Amino acid sequence: MNLVERCSKFKRMKFLKSIGVLSLLMLLLISCNSSKKVSESMENINRKWMLVEYKDFTKAELTKLEANMDLTKRAEAPNQYGAKMGCNGMFFTAEFNKGKAEFSGVGSTMMYCDGRMKLEELFGKELPTMNQYKIEGHFLTLSNSNGSKMKFIAADWD
């Protein structure tokens, strides 16, 4: 093998090595970015959400009732959350994972508030059936296999 052939072979090996290193770096950057997106969406779910669309209730009715669900994480009870649909404080356990949701242990205090109970009753019955969630921008949508939906907006969104 003469000198020209050796130089050519060396250049090809160097080129292939460079491509390999660049490919590895790009793969690492992509995987870091996608895990960051999953982490960000989980962070985004753990906040207070205002109910803006549900069944036949108008947005004005939901706003007047200050209907909300608080999914803020608490260190002492990481999967326990609360809600208020106009009268009683509600509580429940929830888990969220890759678009799937599971709600259980739904309960509430037991006061009667004239004209404010319909939403609370429907929400309390239907929340355990919600098994999917989707975050789009500052909106959270909960849905179930029956086609029922609850749409929320982040309370801290300006």
C-alpha atoms as a PDB file:
ATOM      1  CA  MET A   1       0.000   0.000   0.000  1.00  0.00           C
ATOM      2  CA  ASN A   2       1.520   3.284  -1.022  1.00  0.00           C
ATOM      3  CA  LEU A   3       1.380   6.583   0.829  1.00  0.00           C
ATOM      4  CA  VAL A   4      -1.510   7.992  -1.231  1.00  0.00           C
ATOM      5  CA  GLU A   5      -3.676   4.918  -0.487  1.00  0.00           C
ATOM      6  CA  ARG A   6      -2.862   5.118   3.235  1.00  0.00           C
ATOM      7  CA  CYS A   7      -3.802   8.811   3.386  1.00  0.00           C
ATOM      8  CA  SER A   8      -7.054   8.119   1.550  1.00  0.00           C
ATOM      9  CA  LYS A   9      -7.916   5.245   3.897  1.00  0.00           C
ATOM     10  CA  PHE A  10      -7.066   7.385   6.949  1.00  0.00           C
ATOM     11  CA  LYS A  11      -9.312  10.211   5.713  1.00  0.00           C
ATOM     12  CA  ARG A  12     -12.215   7.783   5.161  1.00  0.00           C
ATOM     13  CA  MET A  13     -11.827   6.324   8.670  1.00  0.00           C
ATOM     14  CA  LYS A  14     -11.640   9.797  10.173  1.00  0.00           C
ATOM     15  CA  PHE A  15     -14.768  10.818   8.244  1.00  0.00           C
ATOM     16  CA  LEU A  16     -16.692   7.709   9.377  1.00  0.00           C
ATOM     17  CA  LYS A  17     -15.619   8.256  12.978  1.00  0.00           C
ATOM     18  CA  SER A  18     -16.828  11.882  12.812  1.00  0.00           C
ATOM     19  CA  ILE A  19     -20.203  10.785  11.455  1.00  0.00           C
ATOM     20  CA  GLY A  20     -20.510   8.211  14.245  1.00  0.00           C
ATOM     21  CA  VAL A  21     -19.743  10.779  16.947  1.00  0.00           C
ATOM     22  CA  LEU A  22     -22.185  13.305  15.446  1.00  0.00           C
ATOM     23  CA  SER A  23     -24.920  10.646  15.227  1.00  0.00           C
ATOM     24  CA  LEU A  24     -24.399   9.704  18.869  1.00  0.00           C
ATOM     25  CA  LEU A  25     -24.580  13.356  19.961  1.00  0.00           C
ATOM     26  CA  MET A  26     -27.798  13.923  18.007  1.00  0.00           C
ATOM     27  CA  LEU A  27     -29.359  10.790  19.513  1.00  0.00           C
ATOM     28  CA  LEU A  28     -28.485  11.976  23.017  1.00  0.00           C
ATOM     29  CA  LEU A  29     -29.929  15.433  22.373  1.00  0.00           C
ATOM     30  CA  ILE A  30     -33.181  14.015  21.001  1.00  0.00           C
ATOM     31  CA  SER A  31     -33.648  11.594  23.897  1.00  0.00           C
ATOM     32  CA  CYS A  32     -32.955  14.321  26.467  1.00  0.00           C
ATOM     33  CA  ASN A  33     -35.445  16.619  24.767  1.00  0.00           C
ATOM     34  CA  SER A  34     -38.243  14.016  24.657  1.00  0.00           C
ATOM     35  CA  SER A  35     -37.836  13.086  28.331  1.00  0.00           C
ATOM     36  CA  LYS A  36     -37.930  16.800  29.133  1.00  0.00           C
ATOM     37  CA  LYS A  37     -41.278  17.097  27.301  1.00  0.00           C
ATOM     38  CA  VAL A  38     -42.779  14.215  29.311  1.00  0.00           C
ATOM     39  CA  SER A  39     -41.488  15.803  32.511  1.00  0.00           C
ATOM     40  CA  GLU A  40     -42.842  19.226  31.510  1.00  0.00           C
ATOM     41  CA  SER A  41     -46.310  17.834  30.789  1.00  0.00           C
ATOM     42  CA  MET A  42     -46.386  16.148  34.189  1.00  0.00           C
ATOM     43  CA  GLU A  43     -45.289  19.392  35.808  1.00  0.00           C
ATOM     44  CA  ASN A  44     -48.017  21.207  33.900  1.00  0.00           C
ATOM     45  CA  ILE A  45     -50.767  18.934  35.228  1.00  0.00           C
ATOM     46  CA  ASN A  46     -49.845  19.673  38.861  1.00  0.00           C
ATOM     47  CA  ARG A  47     -51.563  23.038  39.197  1.00  0.00           C
ATOM     48  CA  LYS A  48     -54.988  24.486  39.834  1.00  0.00           C
ATOM     49  CA  TRP A  49     -57.463  24.173  36.951  1.00  0.00           C
ATOM     50  CA  MET A  50     -60.712  26.119  36.409  1.00  0.00           C
ATOM     51  CA  LEU A  51     -63.593  24.174  34.831  1.00  0.00           C
ATOM     52  CA  VAL A  52     -64.718  25.949  31.631  1.00  0.00           C
ATOM     53  CA  GLU A  53     -66.682  23.276  29.709  1.00  0.00           C
ATOM     54  CA  TYR A  54     -68.806  20.478  31.122  1.00  0.00           C
ATOM     55  CA  LYS A  55     -72.138  19.006  30.021  1.00  0.00           C
ATOM     56  CA  ASP A  56     -74.807  21.696  29.510  1.00  0.00           C
ATOM     57  CA  PHE A  57     -73.304  24.215  31.951  1.00  0.00           C
ATOM     58  CA  THR A  58     -72.384  27.566  30.448  1.00  0.00           C
ATOM     59  CA  LYS A  59     -68.965  29.072  31.002  1.00  0.00           C
ATOM     60  CA  ALA A  60     -70.670  31.890  32.931  1.00  0.00           C
ATOM     61  CA  GLU A  61     -72.324  29.376  35.300  1.00  0.00           C
ATOM     62  CA  LEU A  62     -69.034  27.547  35.872  1.00  0.00           C
ATOM     63  CA  THR A  63     -67.240  30.834  36.501  1.00  0.00           C
ATOM     64  CA  LYS A  64     -69.921  32.017  38.941  1.00  0.00           C
ATOM     65  CA  LEU A  65     -69.592  28.746  40.878  1.00  0.00           C
ATOM     66  CA  GLU A  66     -65.782  29.100  40.804  1.00  0.00           C
ATOM     67  CA  ALA A  67     -65.640  25.445  39.704  1.00  0.00           C
ATOM     68  CA  ASN A  68     -62.070  24.228  39.983  1.00  0.00           C
ATOM     69  CA  MET A  69     -59.865  21.210  40.506  1.00  0.00           C
ATOM     70  CA  ASP A  70     -56.584  21.577  42.384  1.00  0.00           C
ATOM     71  CA  LEU A  71     -53.970  19.075  41.183  1.00  0.00           C
ATOM     72  CA  THR A  72     -51.102  20.731  43.051  1.00  0.00           C
ATOM     73  CA  LYS A  73     -48.759  18.105  44.516  1.00  0.00           C
ATOM     74  CA  ARG A  74     -48.487  17.946  48.303  1.00  0.00           C
ATOM     75  CA  ALA A  75     -45.509  16.253  49.938  1.00  0.00           C
ATOM     76  CA  GLU A  76     -47.579  14.618  52.691  1.00  0.00           C
ATOM     77  CA  ALA A  77     -50.133  13.139  50.231  1.00  0.00           C
ATOM     78  CA  PRO A  78     -48.681  13.166  46.699  1.00  0.00           C
ATOM     79  CA  ASN A  79     -51.671  11.541  44.911  1.00  0.00           C
ATOM     80  CA  GLN A  80     -54.475  13.261  46.833  1.00  0.00           C
ATOM     81  CA  TYR A  81     -56.132  16.297  45.340  1.00  0.00           C
ATOM     82  CA  GLY A  82     -59.165  18.509  45.782  1.00  0.00           C
ATOM     83  CA  ALA A  83     -61.918  20.275  43.900  1.00  0.00           C
ATOM     84  CA  LYS A  84     -64.730  22.725  44.504  1.00  0.00           C
ATOM     85  CA  MET A  85     -67.784  22.832  42.295  1.00  0.00           C
ATOM     86  CA  GLY A  86     -69.702  25.625  43.972  1.00  0.00           C
ATOM     87  CA  CYS A  87     -70.459  24.456  47.487  1.00  0.00           C
ATOM     88  CA  ASN A  88     -68.594  21.608  49.188  1.00  0.00           C
ATOM     89  CA  GLY A  89     -64.923  20.853  49.261  1.00  0.00           C
ATOM     90  CA  MET A  90     -64.263  17.666  47.307  1.00  0.00           C
ATOM     91  CA  PHE A  91     -61.330  15.276  47.615  1.00  0.00           C
ATOM     92  CA  PHE A  92     -60.041  12.343  45.582  1.00  0.00           C
ATOM     93  CA  THR A  93     -57.008  10.268  44.671  1.00  0.00           C
ATOM     94  CA  ALA A  94     -55.611  10.465  41.147  1.00  0.00           C
ATOM     95  CA  GLU A  95     -52.743   9.111  39.092  1.00  0.00           C
ATOM     96  CA  PHE A  96     -51.622  10.407  35.702  1.00  0.00           C
ATOM     97  CA  ASN A  97     -49.335   8.557  33.311  1.00  0.00           C
ATOM     98  CA  LYS A  98     -48.804   9.106  29.574  1.00  0.00           C
ATOM     99  CA  GLY A  99     -52.305  10.326  28.796  1.00  0.00           C
ATOM    100  CA  LYS A 100     -54.030   7.856  31.110  1.00  0.00           C
ATOM    101  CA  ALA A 101     -55.804   9.015  34.265  1.00  0.00           C
ATOM    102  CA  GLU A 102     -57.235   7.120  37.195  1.00  0.00           C
ATOM    103  CA  PHE A 103     -59.508   8.770  39.772  1.00  0.00           C
ATOM    104  CA  SER A 104     -60.749   7.058  42.926  1.00  0.00           C
ATOM    105  CA  GLY A 105     -61.918   7.742  46.471  1.00  0.00           C
ATOM    106  CA  VAL A 106     -64.069  10.712  45.464  1.00  0.00           C
ATOM    107  CA  GLY A 107     -65.804  12.317  48.444  1.00  0.00           C
ATOM    108  CA  SER A 108     -66.883  15.690  49.761  1.00  0.00           C
ATOM    109  CA  THR A 109     -68.075  17.638  52.749  1.00  0.00           C
ATOM    110  CA  MET A 110     -71.850  17.478  53.251  1.00  0.00           C
ATOM    111  CA  MET A 111     -73.313  21.005  53.227  1.00  0.00           C
ATOM    112  CA  TYR A 112     -76.410  21.940  51.241  1.00  0.00           C
ATOM    113  CA  CYS A 113     -76.180  25.046  49.077  1.00  0.00           C
ATOM    114  CA  ASP A 114     -79.432  26.041  47.367  1.00  0.00           C
ATOM    115  CA  GLY A 115     -79.027  26.246  43.583  1.00  0.00           C
ATOM    116  CA  ARG A 116     -75.398  25.059  43.665  1.00  0.00           C
ATOM    117  CA  MET A 117     -75.647  21.272  43.983  1.00  0.00           C
ATOM    118  CA  LYS A 118     -76.289  20.029  40.423  1.00  0.00           C
ATOM    119  CA  LEU A 119     -72.736  20.554  39.145  1.00  0.00           C
ATOM    120  CA  GLU A 120     -71.198  19.095  42.271  1.00  0.00           C
ATOM    121  CA  GLU A 121     -73.384  15.983  42.101  1.00  0.00           C
ATOM    122  CA  LEU A 122     -72.655  15.329  38.401  1.00  0.00           C
ATOM    123  CA  PHE A 123     -68.936  16.024  38.749  1.00  0.00           C
ATOM    124  CA  GLY A 124     -68.616  13.718  41.774  1.00  0.00           C
ATOM    125  CA  LYS A 125     -70.357  10.849  39.984  1.00  0.00           C
ATOM    126  CA  GLU A 126     -68.508  11.236  36.703  1.00  0.00           C
ATOM    127  CA  LEU A 127     -64.948  12.016  37.845  1.00  0.00           C
ATOM    128  CA  PRO A 128     -64.132   8.343  38.658  1.00  0.00           C
ATOM    129  CA  THR A 129     -65.050   7.396  35.064  1.00  0.00           C
ATOM    130  CA  MET A 130     -62.539   9.807  33.532  1.00  0.00           C
ATOM    131  CA  ASN A 131     -59.655   7.679  32.286  1.00  0.00           C
ATOM    132  CA  GLN A 132     -57.782   9.893  29.824  1.00  0.00           C
ATOM    133  CA  TYR A 133     -56.208  13.322  30.016  1.00  0.00           C
ATOM    134  CA  LYS A 134     -54.730  15.676  27.465  1.00  0.00           C
ATOM    135  CA  ILE A 135     -52.851  18.927  27.998  1.00  0.00           C
ATOM    136  CA  GLU A 136     -52.853  21.374  25.113  1.00  0.00           C
ATOM    137  CA  GLY A 137     -51.219  24.675  25.933  1.00  0.00           C
ATOM    138  CA  HIS A 138     -53.015  25.997  29.017  1.00  0.00           C
ATOM    139  CA  PHE A 139     -55.991  23.609  28.676  1.00  0.00           C
ATOM    140  CA  LEU A 140     -56.550  20.245  30.368  1.00  0.00           C
ATOM    141  CA  THR A 141     -59.211  17.895  29.026  1.00  0.00           C
ATOM    142  CA  LEU A 142     -60.392  14.834  30.921  1.00  0.00           C
ATOM    143  CA  SER A 143     -62.419  12.254  29.013  1.00  0.00           C
ATOM    144  CA  ASN A 144     -63.840   8.770  29.308  1.00  0.00           C
ATOM    145  CA  SER A 145     -64.792   5.945  26.955  1.00  0.00           C
ATOM    146  CA  ASN A 146     -68.452   7.110  26.940  1.00  0.00           C
ATOM    147  CA  GLY A 147     -67.450  10.344  25.188  1.00  0.00           C
ATOM    148  CA  SER A 148     -67.980  12.577  28.209  1.00  0.00           C
ATOM    149  CA  LYS A 149     -65.475  15.435  28.650  1.00  0.00           C
ATOM    150  CA  MET A 150     -64.442  18.001  31.209  1.00  0.00           C
ATOM    151  CA  LYS A 151     -62.352  20.929  29.959  1.00  0.00           C
ATOM    152  CA  PHE A 152     -60.282  23.090  32.281  1.00  0.00           C
ATOM    153  CA  ILE A 153     -58.037  26.118  31.907  1.00  0.00           C
ATOM    154  CA  ALA A 154     -54.972  26.664  34.059  1.00  0.00           C
ATOM    155  CA  ALA A 155     -55.852  29.086  36.875  1.00  0.00           C
ATOM    156  CA  ASP A 156     -52.409  30.706  36.683  1.00  0.00           C
ATOM    157  CA  TRP A 157     -52.655  31.369  32.954  1.00  0.00           C
ATOM    158  CA  ASP A 158     -52.682  35.065  32.077  1.00  0.00           C
END
